[in-house]
PDB file of N, CA and C in Angstrom:
ATOM      1  N   MET A   1     -32.316 -38.191 -17.039  1.00  0.00           N
ATOM      2  CA  MET A   1     -33.026 -39.070 -16.138  1.00  0.00           C
ATOM      3  C   MET A   1     -34.527 -38.875 -16.333  1.00  0.00           C
ATOM      4  N   ASP A   2     -35.207 -39.987 -16.428  1.00  0.00           N
ATOM      5  CA  ASP A   2     -36.653 -39.950 -16.592  1.00  0.00           C
ATOM      6  C   ASP A   2     -37.306 -39.867 -15.208  1.00  0.00           C
ATOM      7  N   THR A   3     -37.794 -38.683 -14.861  1.00  0.00           N
ATOM      8  CA  THR A   3     -38.379 -38.491 -13.526  1.00  0.00           C
ATOM      9  C   THR A   3     -39.736 -39.164 -13.379  1.00  0.00           C
ATOM     10  N   LYS A   4     -40.352 -39.606 -14.473  1.00  0.00           N
ATOM     11  CA  LYS A   4     -41.655 -40.267 -14.393  1.00  0.00           C
ATOM     12  C   LYS A   4     -41.573 -41.614 -13.675  1.00  0.00           C
ATOM     13  N   LYS A   5     -40.396 -42.228 -13.694  1.00  0.00           N
ATOM     14  CA  LYS A   5     -40.219 -43.534 -13.064  1.00  0.00           C
ATOM     15  C   LYS A   5     -39.929 -43.425 -11.566  1.00  0.00           C
ATOM     16  N   LEU A   6     -39.719 -42.207 -11.075  1.00  0.00           N
ATOM     17  CA  LEU A   6     -39.405 -42.008  -9.659  1.00  0.00           C
ATOM     18  C   LEU A   6     -40.677 -41.921  -8.828  1.00  0.00           C
ATOM     19  N   SER A   7     -40.539 -42.224  -7.553  1.00  0.00           N
ATOM     20  CA  SER A   7     -41.664 -42.048  -6.639  1.00  0.00           C
ATOM     21  C   SER A   7     -41.960 -40.558  -6.505  1.00  0.00           C
ATOM     22  N   PRO A   8     -43.165 -40.178  -6.084  1.00  0.00           N
ATOM     23  CA  PRO A   8     -43.504 -38.752  -5.961  1.00  0.00           C
ATOM     24  C   PRO A   8     -42.540 -37.978  -5.061  1.00  0.00           C
ATOM     25  N   SER A   9     -42.087 -38.582  -3.962  1.00  0.00           N
ATOM     26  CA  SER A   9     -41.173 -37.860  -3.065  1.00  0.00           C
ATOM     27  C   SER A   9     -39.808 -37.671  -3.714  1.00  0.00           C
ATOM     28  N   LEU A  10     -39.311 -38.684  -4.424  1.00  0.00           N
ATOM     29  CA  LEU A  10     -38.030 -38.539  -5.118  1.00  0.00           C
ATOM     30  C   LEU A  10     -38.148 -37.560  -6.283  1.00  0.00           C
ATOM     31  N   ARG A  11     -39.301 -37.575  -6.948  1.00  0.00           N
ATOM     32  CA  ARG A  11     -39.525 -36.638  -8.042  1.00  0.00           C
ATOM     33  C   ARG A  11     -39.480 -35.197  -7.532  1.00  0.00           C
ATOM     34  N   ALA A  12     -40.109 -34.936  -6.391  1.00  0.00           N
ATOM     35  CA  ALA A  12     -40.102 -33.593  -5.801  1.00  0.00           C
ATOM     36  C   ALA A  12     -38.681 -33.199  -5.407  1.00  0.00           C
ATOM     37  N   GLU A  13     -37.933 -34.149  -4.855  1.00  0.00           N
ATOM     38  CA  GLU A  13     -36.550 -33.862  -4.461  1.00  0.00           C
ATOM     39  C   GLU A  13     -35.697 -33.561  -5.688  1.00  0.00           C
ATOM     40  N   LYS A  14     -35.882 -34.293  -6.757  1.00  0.00           N
ATOM     41  CA  LYS A  14     -35.137 -34.063  -7.995  1.00  0.00           C
ATOM     42  C   LYS A  14     -35.477 -32.691  -8.566  1.00  0.00           C
ATOM     43  N   ARG A  15     -36.767 -32.314  -8.537  1.00  0.00           N
ATOM     44  CA  ARG A  15     -37.182 -30.990  -9.008  1.00  0.00           C
ATOM     45  C   ARG A  15     -36.514 -29.907  -8.186  1.00  0.00           C
ATOM     46  N   LYS A  16     -36.431 -30.120  -6.869  1.00  0.00           N
ATOM     47  CA  LYS A  16     -35.792 -29.154  -5.993  1.00  0.00           C
ATOM     48  C   LYS A  16     -34.314 -29.008  -6.344  1.00  0.00           C
ATOM     49  N   ASP A  17     -33.637 -30.119  -6.623  1.00  0.00           N
ATOM     50  CA  ASP A  17     -32.228 -30.075  -7.013  1.00  0.00           C
ATOM     51  C   ASP A  17     -32.025 -29.286  -8.301  1.00  0.00           C
ATOM     52  N   LEU A  18     -32.945 -29.445  -9.241  1.00  0.00           N
ATOM     53  CA  LEU A  18     -32.817 -28.763 -10.510  1.00  0.00           C
ATOM     54  C   LEU A  18     -32.985 -27.253 -10.372  1.00  0.00           C
ATOM     55  N   THR A  19     -33.791 -26.817  -9.418  1.00  0.00           N
ATOM     56  CA  THR A  19     -34.046 -25.388  -9.271  1.00  0.00           C
ATOM     57  C   THR A  19     -33.199 -24.729  -8.197  1.00  0.00           C
ATOM     58  N   SER A  20     -32.429 -25.489  -7.439  1.00  0.00           N
ATOM     59  CA  SER A  20     -31.708 -24.894  -6.323  1.00  0.00           C
ATOM     60  C   SER A  20     -30.281 -24.486  -6.654  1.00  0.00           C
ATOM     61  N   HIS A  21     -29.889 -24.570  -7.897  1.00  0.00           N
ATOM     62  CA  HIS A  21     -28.527 -24.211  -8.270  1.00  0.00           C
ATOM     63  C   HIS A  21     -28.345 -22.712  -8.422  1.00  0.00           C
ATOM     64  N   GLY A  22     -29.367 -21.942  -8.234  1.00  0.00           N
ATOM     65  CA  GLY A  22     -29.247 -20.493  -8.308  1.00  0.00           C
ATOM     66  C   GLY A  22     -29.701 -19.945  -9.644  1.00  0.00           C
ATOM     67  N   THR A  23     -29.837 -18.647  -9.658  1.00  0.00           N
ATOM     68  CA  THR A  23     -30.289 -17.949 -10.846  1.00  0.00           C
ATOM     69  C   THR A  23     -29.115 -17.234 -11.484  1.00  0.00           C
ATOM     70  N   SER A  24     -29.104 -17.175 -12.771  1.00  0.00           N
ATOM     71  CA  SER A  24     -28.063 -16.442 -13.481  1.00  0.00           C
ATOM     72  C   SER A  24     -28.230 -14.954 -13.213  1.00  0.00           C
ATOM     73  N   SER A  25     -27.158 -14.218 -13.317  1.00  0.00           N
ATOM     74  CA  SER A  25     -27.243 -12.767 -13.134  1.00  0.00           C
ATOM     75  C   SER A  25     -27.754 -12.078 -14.395  1.00  0.00           C
ATOM     76  N   VAL A  26     -27.874 -12.842 -15.484  1.00  0.00           N
ATOM     77  CA  VAL A  26     -28.332 -12.281 -16.752  1.00  0.00           C
ATOM     78  C   VAL A  26     -29.581 -13.022 -17.228  1.00  0.00           C
ATOM     79  N   ALA A  27     -30.664 -12.286 -17.401  1.00  0.00           N
ATOM     80  CA  ALA A  27     -31.878 -12.836 -18.009  1.00  0.00           C
ATOM     81  C   ALA A  27     -31.829 -12.510 -19.497  1.00  0.00           C
ATOM     82  N   THR A  28     -32.431 -13.348 -20.308  1.00  0.00           N
ATOM     83  CA  THR A  28     -32.381 -13.154 -21.754  1.00  0.00           C
ATOM     84  C   THR A  28     -33.781 -13.195 -22.343  1.00  0.00           C
ATOM     85  N   ILE A  29     -34.089 -12.194 -23.146  1.00  0.00           N
ATOM     86  CA  ILE A  29     -35.329 -12.216 -23.930  1.00  0.00           C
ATOM     87  C   ILE A  29     -34.948 -12.847 -25.260  1.00  0.00           C
ATOM     88  N   ARG A  30     -35.418 -14.043 -25.479  1.00  0.00           N
ATOM     89  CA  ARG A  30     -35.001 -14.791 -26.663  1.00  0.00           C
ATOM     90  C   ARG A  30     -35.826 -14.457 -27.900  1.00  0.00           C
ATOM     91  N   HIS A  31     -37.080 -14.111 -27.702  1.00  0.00           N
ATOM     92  CA  HIS A  31     -37.949 -13.849 -28.849  1.00  0.00           C
ATOM     93  C   HIS A  31     -38.986 -12.815 -28.437  1.00  0.00           C
ATOM     94  N   PHE A  32     -39.060 -11.729 -29.188  1.00  0.00           N
ATOM     95  CA  PHE A  32     -40.011 -10.666 -28.878  1.00  0.00           C
ATOM     96  C   PHE A  32     -40.685 -10.252 -30.179  1.00  0.00           C
ATOM     97  N   TYR A  33     -41.911 -10.704 -30.358  1.00  0.00           N
ATOM     98  CA  TYR A  33     -42.628 -10.436 -31.595  1.00  0.00           C
ATOM     99  C   TYR A  33     -44.108 -10.255 -31.289  1.00  0.00           C
ATOM    100  N   ILE A  34     -44.700  -9.252 -31.910  1.00  0.00           N
ATOM    101  CA  ILE A  34     -46.136  -8.986 -31.782  1.00  0.00           C
ATOM    102  C   ILE A  34     -46.737  -9.039 -33.183  1.00  0.00           C
ATOM    103  N   ASP A  35     -47.814  -9.780 -33.348  1.00  0.00           N
ATOM    104  CA  ASP A  35     -48.481  -9.823 -34.650  1.00  0.00           C
ATOM    105  C   ASP A  35     -48.888  -8.412 -35.062  1.00  0.00           C
ATOM    106  N   GLU A  36     -48.770  -8.165 -36.335  1.00  0.00           N
ATOM    107  CA  GLU A  36     -48.982  -6.827 -36.877  1.00  0.00           C
ATOM    108  C   GLU A  36     -50.305  -6.164 -36.502  1.00  0.00           C
ATOM    109  N   PRO A  37     -51.433  -6.858 -36.504  1.00  0.00           N
ATOM    110  CA  PRO A  37     -52.694  -6.180 -36.169  1.00  0.00           C
ATOM    111  C   PRO A  37     -52.728  -5.610 -34.742  1.00  0.00           C
ATOM    112  N   TYR A  38     -51.905  -6.153 -33.836  1.00  0.00           N
ATOM    113  CA  TYR A  38     -51.941  -5.722 -32.439  1.00  0.00           C
ATOM    114  C   TYR A  38     -50.917  -4.628 -32.106  1.00  0.00           C
ATOM    115  N   ARG A  39     -49.994  -4.366 -33.000  1.00  0.00           N
ATOM    116  CA  ARG A  39     -48.940  -3.379 -32.729  1.00  0.00           C
ATOM    117  C   ARG A  39     -49.465  -1.961 -32.488  1.00  0.00           C
ATOM    118  N   PRO A  40     -50.461  -1.493 -33.225  1.00  0.00           N
ATOM    119  CA  PRO A  40     -50.940  -0.127 -32.983  1.00  0.00           C
ATOM    120  C   PRO A  40     -51.518   0.086 -31.579  1.00  0.00           C
ATOM    121  N   THR A  41     -51.921  -0.970 -30.910  1.00  0.00           N
ATOM    122  CA  THR A  41     -52.488  -0.832 -29.560  1.00  0.00           C
ATOM    123  C   THR A  41     -51.415  -0.556 -28.516  1.00  0.00           C
ATOM    124  N   GLY A  42     -50.137  -0.817 -28.867  1.00  0.00           N
ATOM    125  CA  GLY A  42     -49.053  -0.604 -27.912  1.00  0.00           C
ATOM    126  C   GLY A  42     -48.892  -1.752 -26.933  1.00  0.00           C
ATOM    127  N   ILE A  43     -49.459  -2.897 -27.244  1.00  0.00           N
ATOM    128  CA  ILE A  43     -49.397  -4.040 -26.336  1.00  0.00           C
ATOM    129  C   ILE A  43     -47.959  -4.477 -26.094  1.00  0.00           C
ATOM    130  N   GLN A  44     -47.057  -4.207 -27.047  1.00  0.00           N
ATOM    131  CA  GLN A  44     -45.671  -4.609 -26.877  1.00  0.00           C
ATOM    132  C   GLN A  44     -45.023  -3.911 -25.677  1.00  0.00           C
ATOM    133  N   GLU A  45     -45.395  -2.659 -25.404  1.00  0.00           N
ATOM    134  CA  GLU A  45     -44.850  -1.961 -24.240  1.00  0.00           C
ATOM    135  C   GLU A  45     -45.316  -2.616 -22.942  1.00  0.00           C
ATOM    136  N   ASP A  46     -46.588  -2.983 -22.894  1.00  0.00           N
ATOM    137  CA  ASP A  46     -47.127  -3.649 -21.701  1.00  0.00           C
ATOM    138  C   ASP A  46     -46.489  -5.015 -21.487  1.00  0.00           C
ATOM    139  N   LEU A  47     -46.341  -5.762 -22.563  1.00  0.00           N
ATOM    140  CA  LEU A  47     -45.746  -7.094 -22.478  1.00  0.00           C
ATOM    141  C   LEU A  47     -44.291  -7.018 -22.012  1.00  0.00           C
ATOM    142  N   LEU A  48     -43.529  -6.102 -22.583  1.00  0.00           N
ATOM    143  CA  LEU A  48     -42.126  -5.954 -22.198  1.00  0.00           C
ATOM    144  C   LEU A  48     -42.002  -5.462 -20.760  1.00  0.00           C
ATOM    145  N   ALA A  49     -42.834  -4.500 -20.376  1.00  0.00           N
ATOM    146  CA  ALA A  49     -42.791  -3.989 -18.998  1.00  0.00           C
ATOM    147  C   ALA A  49     -43.090  -5.107 -18.000  1.00  0.00           C
ATOM    148  N   HIS A  50     -44.054  -5.952 -18.324  1.00  0.00           N
ATOM    149  CA  HIS A  50     -44.384  -7.072 -17.441  1.00  0.00           C
ATOM    150  C   HIS A  50     -43.225  -8.063 -17.349  1.00  0.00           C
ATOM    151  N   ALA A  51     -42.616  -8.393 -18.474  1.00  0.00           N
ATOM    152  CA  ALA A  51     -41.496  -9.345 -18.486  1.00  0.00           C
ATOM    153  C   ALA A  51     -40.307  -8.804 -17.695  1.00  0.00           C
ATOM    154  N   VAL A  52     -39.998  -7.524 -17.864  1.00  0.00           N
ATOM    155  CA  VAL A  52     -38.875  -6.905 -17.151  1.00  0.00           C
ATOM    156  C   VAL A  52     -39.153  -6.881 -15.648  1.00  0.00           C
ATOM    157  N   LYS A  53     -40.347  -6.458 -15.287  1.00  0.00           N
ATOM    158  CA  LYS A  53     -40.711  -6.400 -13.867  1.00  0.00           C
ATOM    159  C   LYS A  53     -40.652  -7.790 -13.240  1.00  0.00           C
ATOM    160  N   HIS A  54     -41.161  -8.780 -13.939  1.00  0.00           N
ATOM    161  CA  HIS A  54     -41.141 -10.148 -13.426  1.00  0.00           C
ATOM    162  C   HIS A  54     -39.707 -10.645 -13.254  1.00  0.00           C
ATOM    163  N   ALA A  55     -38.850 -10.389 -14.223  1.00  0.00           N
ATOM    164  CA  ALA A  55     -37.460 -10.863 -14.149  1.00  0.00           C
ATOM    165  C   ALA A  55     -36.726 -10.230 -12.974  1.00  0.00           C
ATOM    166  N   PHE A  56     -36.877  -8.934 -12.787  1.00  0.00           N
ATOM    167  CA  PHE A  56     -36.150  -8.246 -11.718  1.00  0.00           C
ATOM    168  C   PHE A  56     -36.749  -8.502 -10.341  1.00  0.00           C
ATOM    169  N   LYS A  57     -38.057  -8.653 -10.246  1.00  0.00           N
ATOM    170  CA  LYS A  57     -38.680  -8.860  -8.934  1.00  0.00           C
ATOM    171  C   LYS A  57     -38.654 -10.316  -8.489  1.00  0.00           C
ATOM    172  N   ALA A  58     -38.569 -11.249  -9.424  1.00  0.00           N
ATOM    173  CA  ALA A  58     -38.585 -12.669  -9.075  1.00  0.00           C
ATOM    174  C   ALA A  58     -37.317 -13.086  -8.340  1.00  0.00           C
ATOM    175  N   ASP A  59     -36.181 -12.485  -8.687  1.00  0.00           N
ATOM    176  CA  ASP A  59     -34.924 -12.877  -8.053  1.00  0.00           C
ATOM    177  C   ASP A  59     -33.938 -11.706  -8.119  1.00  0.00           C
ATOM    178  N   HIS A  60     -33.427 -11.325  -6.966  1.00  0.00           N
ATOM    179  CA  HIS A  60     -32.486 -10.199  -6.919  1.00  0.00           C
ATOM    180  C   HIS A  60     -31.124 -10.556  -7.492  1.00  0.00           C
ATOM    181  N   ALA A  61     -30.898 -11.822  -7.812  1.00  0.00           N
ATOM    182  CA  ALA A  61     -29.641 -12.222  -8.449  1.00  0.00           C
ATOM    183  C   ALA A  61     -29.563 -11.704  -9.885  1.00  0.00           C
ATOM    184  N   VAL A  62     -30.720 -11.447 -10.498  1.00  0.00           N
ATOM    185  CA  VAL A  62     -30.740 -10.947 -11.876  1.00  0.00           C
ATOM    186  C   VAL A  62     -30.299  -9.485 -11.871  1.00  0.00           C
ATOM    187  N   LYS A  63     -29.179  -9.215 -12.524  1.00  0.00           N
ATOM    188  CA  LYS A  63     -28.615  -7.865 -12.558  1.00  0.00           C
ATOM    189  C   LYS A  63     -28.857  -7.152 -13.883  1.00  0.00           C
ATOM    190  N   GLU A  64     -29.134  -7.928 -14.943  1.00  0.00           N
ATOM    191  CA  GLU A  64     -29.386  -7.311 -16.238  1.00  0.00           C
ATOM    192  C   GLU A  64     -30.198  -8.245 -17.123  1.00  0.00           C
ATOM    193  N   ILE A  65     -30.860  -7.626 -18.089  1.00  0.00           N
ATOM    194  CA  ILE A  65     -31.650  -8.365 -19.069  1.00  0.00           C
ATOM    195  C   ILE A  65     -31.090  -8.020 -20.439  1.00  0.00           C
ATOM    196  N   LYS A  66     -30.821  -9.034 -21.227  1.00  0.00           N
ATOM    197  CA  LYS A  66     -30.281  -8.821 -22.570  1.00  0.00           C
ATOM    198  C   LYS A  66     -31.294  -9.274 -23.613  1.00  0.00           C
ATOM    199  N   ALA A  67     -31.228  -8.619 -24.765  1.00  0.00           N
ATOM    200  CA  ALA A  67     -32.092  -8.978 -25.886  1.00  0.00           C
ATOM    201  C   ALA A  67     -31.372  -8.625 -27.174  1.00  0.00           C
ATOM    202  N   THR A  68     -31.789  -9.237 -28.252  1.00  0.00           N
ATOM    203  CA  THR A  68     -31.251  -8.847 -29.553  1.00  0.00           C
ATOM    204  C   THR A  68     -32.270  -7.950 -30.234  1.00  0.00           C
ATOM    205  N   SER A  69     -31.745  -7.059 -31.038  1.00  0.00           N
ATOM    206  CA  SER A  69     -32.590  -6.086 -31.725  1.00  0.00           C
ATOM    207  C   SER A  69     -32.114  -5.973 -33.160  1.00  0.00           C
ATOM    208  N   THR A  70     -33.045  -5.832 -34.069  1.00  0.00           N
ATOM    209  CA  THR A  70     -32.691  -5.676 -35.473  1.00  0.00           C
ATOM    210  C   THR A  70     -33.483  -4.528 -36.096  1.00  0.00           C
ATOM    211  N   SER A  71     -32.856  -3.846 -37.021  1.00  0.00           N
ATOM    212  CA  SER A  71     -33.545  -2.752 -37.713  1.00  0.00           C
ATOM    213  C   SER A  71     -34.630  -3.287 -38.639  1.00  0.00           C
ATOM    214  N   LEU A  72     -34.684  -4.585 -38.823  1.00  0.00           N
ATOM    215  CA  LEU A  72     -35.732  -5.206 -39.622  1.00  0.00           C
ATOM    216  C   LEU A  72     -37.087  -5.112 -38.924  1.00  0.00           C
ATOM    217  N   LEU A  73     -37.068  -4.997 -37.582  1.00  0.00           N
ATOM    218  CA  LEU A  73     -38.297  -4.852 -36.793  1.00  0.00           C
ATOM    219  C   LEU A  73     -38.218  -3.553 -35.990  1.00  0.00           C
ATOM    220  N   PRO A  74     -38.509  -2.424 -36.612  1.00  0.00           N
ATOM    221  CA  PRO A  74     -38.337  -1.134 -35.931  1.00  0.00           C
ATOM    222  C   PRO A  74     -39.227  -0.963 -34.697  1.00  0.00           C
ATOM    223  N   TYR A  75     -40.410  -1.577 -34.668  1.00  0.00           N
ATOM    224  CA  TYR A  75     -41.268  -1.437 -33.486  1.00  0.00           C
ATOM    225  C   TYR A  75     -40.610  -2.091 -32.274  1.00  0.00           C
ATOM    226  N   THR A  76     -39.884  -3.178 -32.491  1.00  0.00           N
ATOM    227  CA  THR A  76     -39.180  -3.846 -31.395  1.00  0.00           C
ATOM    228  C   THR A  76     -38.029  -2.983 -30.901  1.00  0.00           C
ATOM    229  N   GLN A  77     -37.262  -2.430 -31.821  1.00  0.00           N
ATOM    230  CA  GLN A  77     -36.158  -1.541 -31.440  1.00  0.00           C
ATOM    231  C   GLN A  77     -36.666  -0.371 -30.611  1.00  0.00           C
ATOM    232  N   ARG A  78     -37.734   0.251 -31.061  1.00  0.00           N
ATOM    233  CA  ARG A  78     -38.310   1.414 -30.379  1.00  0.00           C
ATOM    234  C   ARG A  78     -38.805   1.026 -28.983  1.00  0.00           C
ATOM    235  N   CYS A  79     -39.459  -0.105 -28.889  1.00  0.00           N
ATOM    236  CA  CYS A  79     -39.999  -0.572 -27.615  1.00  0.00           C
ATOM    237  C   CYS A  79     -38.874  -0.853 -26.617  1.00  0.00           C
ATOM    238  N   LEU A  80     -37.835  -1.549 -27.051  1.00  0.00           N
ATOM    239  CA  LEU A  80     -36.703  -1.843 -26.179  1.00  0.00           C
ATOM    240  C   LEU A  80     -36.010  -0.550 -25.729  1.00  0.00           C
ATOM    241  N   ARG A  81     -35.809   0.365 -26.658  1.00  0.00           N
ATOM    242  CA  ARG A  81     -35.164   1.643 -26.331  1.00  0.00           C
ATOM    243  C   ARG A  81     -36.013   2.439 -25.338  1.00  0.00           C
ATOM    244  N   ASP A  82     -37.314   2.498 -25.567  1.00  0.00           N
ATOM    245  CA  ASP A  82     -38.203   3.240 -24.669  1.00  0.00           C
ATOM    246  C   ASP A  82     -38.252   2.616 -23.267  1.00  0.00           C
ATOM    247  N   ALA A  83     -37.994   1.310 -23.181  1.00  0.00           N
ATOM    248  CA  ALA A  83     -37.994   0.623 -21.890  1.00  0.00           C
ATOM    249  C   ALA A  83     -36.669   0.812 -21.151  1.00  0.00           C
ATOM    250  N   GLY A  84     -35.688   1.427 -21.814  1.00  0.00           N
ATOM    251  CA  GLY A  84     -34.411   1.690 -21.153  1.00  0.00           C
ATOM    252  C   GLY A  84     -33.266   0.800 -21.590  1.00  0.00           C
ATOM    253  N   PHE A  85     -33.502  -0.073 -22.538  1.00  0.00           N
ATOM    254  CA  PHE A  85     -32.419  -0.905 -23.056  1.00  0.00           C
ATOM    255  C   PHE A  85     -31.447  -0.037 -23.836  1.00  0.00           C
ATOM    256  N   VAL A  86     -30.150  -0.315 -23.662  1.00  0.00           N
ATOM    257  CA  VAL A  86     -29.107   0.424 -24.378  1.00  0.00           C
ATOM    258  C   VAL A  86     -28.217  -0.569 -25.127  1.00  0.00           C
ATOM    259  N   LEU A  87     -27.558  -0.065 -26.141  1.00  0.00           N
ATOM    260  CA  LEU A  87     -26.679  -0.898 -26.960  1.00  0.00           C
ATOM    261  C   LEU A  87     -25.514  -1.417 -26.124  1.00  0.00           C
ATOM    262  N   GLU A  88     -25.342  -2.722 -26.102  1.00  0.00           N
ATOM    263  CA  GLU A  88     -24.162  -3.297 -25.456  1.00  0.00           C
ATOM    264  C   GLU A  88     -23.083  -3.563 -26.497  1.00  0.00           C
ATOM    265  N   GLU A  89     -23.482  -4.157 -27.611  1.00  0.00           N
ATOM    266  CA  GLU A  89     -22.525  -4.346 -28.697  1.00  0.00           C
ATOM    267  C   GLU A  89     -23.255  -4.639 -30.000  1.00  0.00           C
ATOM    268  N   PRO A  90     -22.740  -4.089 -31.091  1.00  0.00           N
ATOM    269  CA  PRO A  90     -23.308  -4.437 -32.392  1.00  0.00           C
ATOM    270  C   PRO A  90     -22.873  -5.862 -32.745  1.00  0.00           C
ATOM    271  N   LEU A  91     -23.814  -6.654 -33.223  1.00  0.00           N
ATOM    272  CA  LEU A  91     -23.501  -8.042 -33.548  1.00  0.00           C
ATOM    273  C   LEU A  91     -23.200  -8.241 -35.023  1.00  0.00           C
ATOM    274  N   GLY A  92     -23.508  -7.246 -35.828  1.00  0.00           N
ATOM    275  CA  GLY A  92     -23.218  -7.342 -37.248  1.00  0.00           C
ATOM    276  C   GLY A  92     -24.398  -6.942 -38.095  1.00  0.00           C
ATOM    277  N   LYS A  93     -24.362  -7.423 -39.327  1.00  0.00           N
ATOM    278  CA  LYS A  93     -25.422  -7.102 -40.280  1.00  0.00           C
ATOM    279  C   LYS A  93     -25.978  -8.386 -40.859  1.00  0.00           C
ATOM    280  N   LEU A  94     -27.259  -8.342 -41.205  1.00  0.00           N
ATOM    281  CA  LEU A  94     -27.961  -9.505 -41.745  1.00  0.00           C
ATOM    282  C   LEU A  94     -28.420  -9.249 -43.164  1.00  0.00           C
ATOM    283  N   GLY A  95     -28.409 -10.282 -43.957  1.00  0.00           N
ATOM    284  CA  GLY A  95     -29.015 -10.232 -45.276  1.00  0.00           C
ATOM    285  C   GLY A  95     -28.300  -9.360 -46.274  1.00  0.00           C
ATOM    286  N   ILE A  96     -28.832  -9.358 -47.477  1.00  0.00           N
ATOM    287  CA  ILE A  96     -28.190  -8.604 -48.558  1.00  0.00           C
ATOM    288  C   ILE A  96     -28.371  -7.091 -48.402  1.00  0.00           C
ATOM    289  N   TYR A  97     -29.350  -6.672 -47.607  1.00  0.00           N
ATOM    290  CA  TYR A  97     -29.570  -5.247 -47.383  1.00  0.00           C
ATOM    291  C   TYR A  97     -28.807  -4.734 -46.167  1.00  0.00           C
ATOM    292  N   GLY A  98     -28.147  -5.608 -45.448  1.00  0.00           N
ATOM    293  CA  GLY A  98     -27.330  -5.203 -44.320  1.00  0.00           C
ATOM    294  C   GLY A  98     -28.116  -4.691 -43.126  1.00  0.00           C
ATOM    295  N   TRP A  99     -29.186  -5.390 -42.746  1.00  0.00           N
ATOM    296  CA  TRP A  99     -29.970  -4.995 -41.582  1.00  0.00           C
ATOM    297  C   TRP A  99     -29.092  -5.101 -40.335  1.00  0.00           C
ATOM    298  N   LYS A 100     -29.085  -4.048 -39.513  1.00  0.00           N
ATOM    299  CA  LYS A 100     -28.304  -4.052 -38.271  1.00  0.00           C
ATOM    300  C   LYS A 100     -28.862  -5.070 -37.287  1.00  0.00           C
ATOM    301  N   PHE A 101     -27.954  -5.718 -36.581  1.00  0.00           N
ATOM    302  CA  PHE A 101     -28.312  -6.708 -35.577  1.00  0.00           C
ATOM    303  C   PHE A 101     -27.498  -6.389 -34.334  1.00  0.00           C
ATOM    304  N   ASP A 102     -28.165  -6.014 -33.233  1.00  0.00           N
ATOM    305  CA  ASP A 102     -27.481  -5.533 -32.034  1.00  0.00           C
ATOM    306  C   ASP A 102     -27.876  -6.315 -30.794  1.00  0.00           C
ATOM    307  N   LEU A 103     -26.984  -6.314 -29.817  1.00  0.00           N
ATOM    308  CA  LEU A 103     -27.275  -6.840 -28.494  1.00  0.00           C
ATOM    309  C   LEU A 103     -27.535  -5.641 -27.592  1.00  0.00           C
ATOM    310  N   VAL A 104     -28.702  -5.613 -26.956  1.00  0.00           N
ATOM    311  CA  VAL A 104     -29.063  -4.503 -26.073  1.00  0.00           C
ATOM    312  C   VAL A 104     -29.232  -5.040 -24.655  1.00  0.00           C
ATOM    313  N   VAL A 105     -29.065  -4.152 -23.671  1.00  0.00           N
ATOM    314  CA  VAL A 105     -29.103  -4.584 -22.275  1.00  0.00           C
ATOM    315  C   VAL A 105     -29.837  -3.549 -21.425  1.00  0.00           C
ATOM    316  N   LEU A 106     -30.554  -4.047 -20.428  1.00  0.00           N
ATOM    317  CA  LEU A 106     -31.191  -3.203 -19.417  1.00  0.00           C
ATOM    318  C   LEU A 106     -30.632  -3.644 -18.074  1.00  0.00           C
ATOM    319  N   ARG A 107     -29.978  -2.719 -17.382  1.00  0.00           N
ATOM    320  CA  ARG A 107     -29.371  -3.045 -16.092  1.00  0.00           C
ATOM    321  C   ARG A 107     -30.332  -2.727 -14.949  1.00  0.00           C
ATOM    322  N   ARG A 108     -30.296  -3.567 -13.923  1.00  0.00           N
ATOM    323  CA  ARG A 108     -31.189  -3.432 -12.778  1.00  0.00           C
ATOM    324  C   ARG A 108     -31.095  -2.042 -12.154  1.00  0.00           C
ATOM    325  N   ALA A 109     -29.889  -1.516 -11.959  1.00  0.00           N
ATOM    326  CA  ALA A 109     -29.715  -0.214 -11.299  1.00  0.00           C
ATOM    327  C   ALA A 109     -30.482   0.877 -12.056  1.00  0.00           C
ATOM    328  N   TYR A 110     -30.368   0.874 -13.380  1.00  0.00           N
ATOM    329  CA  TYR A 110     -31.072   1.877 -14.179  1.00  0.00           C
ATOM    330  C   TYR A 110     -32.581   1.675 -14.079  1.00  0.00           C
ATOM    331  N   TRP A 111     -33.028   0.419 -14.153  1.00  0.00           N
ATOM    332  CA  TRP A 111     -34.458   0.123 -14.076  1.00  0.00           C
ATOM    333  C   TRP A 111     -35.037   0.568 -12.735  1.00  0.00           C
ATOM    334  N   GLU A 112     -34.296   0.323 -11.640  1.00  0.00           N
ATOM    335  CA  GLU A 112     -34.770   0.726 -10.321  1.00  0.00           C
ATOM    336  C   GLU A 112     -34.859   2.247 -10.196  1.00  0.00           C
ATOM    337  N   GLN A 113     -33.863   2.958 -10.709  1.00  0.00           N
ATOM    338  CA  GLN A 113     -33.904   4.433 -10.693  1.00  0.00           C
ATOM    339  C   GLN A 113     -35.102   4.931 -11.486  1.00  0.00           C
ATOM    340  N   ARG A 114     -35.291   4.372 -12.635  1.00  0.00           N
ATOM    341  CA  ARG A 114     -36.392   4.794 -13.512  1.00  0.00           C
ATOM    342  C   ARG A 114     -37.746   4.466 -12.894  1.00  0.00           C
ATOM    343  N   SER A 115     -37.854   3.319 -12.256  1.00  0.00           N
ATOM    344  CA  SER A 115     -39.108   2.908 -11.603  1.00  0.00           C
ATOM    345  C   SER A 115     -39.420   3.837 -10.422  1.00  0.00           C
ATOM    346  N   ALA A 116     -38.383   4.222  -9.694  1.00  0.00           N
ATOM    347  CA  ALA A 116     -38.583   5.122  -8.545  1.00  0.00           C
ATOM    348  C   ALA A 116     -39.085   6.488  -9.012  1.00  0.00           C
ATOM    349  N   ARG A 117     -38.582   6.965 -10.145  1.00  0.00           N
ATOM    350  CA  ARG A 117     -39.011   8.265 -10.675  1.00  0.00           C
ATOM    351  C   ARG A 117     -40.460   8.229 -11.159  1.00  0.00           C
ATOM    352  N   THR A 118     -40.877   7.104 -11.731  1.00  0.00           N
ATOM    353  CA  THR A 118     -42.235   7.049 -12.275  1.00  0.00           C
ATOM    354  C   THR A 118     -43.286   6.809 -11.203  1.00  0.00           C
ATOM    355  N   THR A 119     -42.880   6.298 -10.039  1.00  0.00           N
ATOM    356  CA  THR A 119     -43.861   6.051  -8.991  1.00  0.00           C
ATOM    357  C   THR A 119     -44.027   7.248  -8.044  1.00  0.00           C
ATOM    358  N   LEU A 120     -43.214   8.262  -8.193  1.00  0.00           N
ATOM    359  CA  LEU A 120     -43.347   9.449  -7.328  1.00  0.00           C
ATOM    360  C   LEU A 120     -44.536  10.282  -7.680  1.00  0.00           C
TER     361      LEU A 120
END
């Protein structure tokens, strides 16, 4: 439906309908990449911490965050692991060199425990 043709009040109501169906219990990080010149600064840890905090604090329906990880990008693997993500399942291998490709998950309960320990 093209919402541009609706009156402003109907457009607002349609937007409300689209967002009122609830939040999934699983958030997904679809793409996590930092340009090489910025990696030594550790900006990836700050970016991931902000994304995780936003996902868990925005809606209590979110119980876990999933992401894919590959040994082709070791800085990403290290960052996800340091943030508390754990292996949920290996997804296989990529390419002729057999790069590992995994699904990792961070559960809300673990994140809350870890956050409580760091704020003490």
